[in-house]
């Protein structure tokens, strides 16, 4: 039994999320996964790691998981990631990446989860004027995918200013 706090990994049955689950469990962290399996795979979850098949927008389900497992950190990888699809179907991306993330953030606040790691994207920078890109470069996304992630980053900043929660946003290049 670990004395480390439990980490909730959303999208933990997906590619990046499942690798985070493996790294956490290898390091001795207790993990619980919430994934709706729309793009993830049950087989990606290691034996012994609870998988709750639910949507992160289902606040009752997510809050029940947070309370039952005494979650103290969220690693949020659940999101839609196909840029051309975001241009063809922007409302899907704003719903899944922004609206559902808002629900997840609210659930974390309600349950007193103090740490939140968000899987964002370098697409928040759009077409940067310099290379390499630094974190201080202007964020000017050019597609709904990048904008939906930037909107979630803005929500996290506002929530962290108002509630006892800290966060970071991972922007993959």
Foldseek 3Di string as FASTA:
>chain_A
DDPAAEEEEEVCQDDVNLVVQVVCVVVPHQYEYEYLPPPGDPVSHDPPHHYDNDALQPLVVLLVVCVVRVHQEYEYDFADDDFVVCQVPVVRRLCRLAVSLVSNVVSCQVSVRAEYEYAAAPLQQDDFPDPPDDPPTHGDHDTSRSVSRVNSVVVQVVVVVVGNHDYDYDHDD
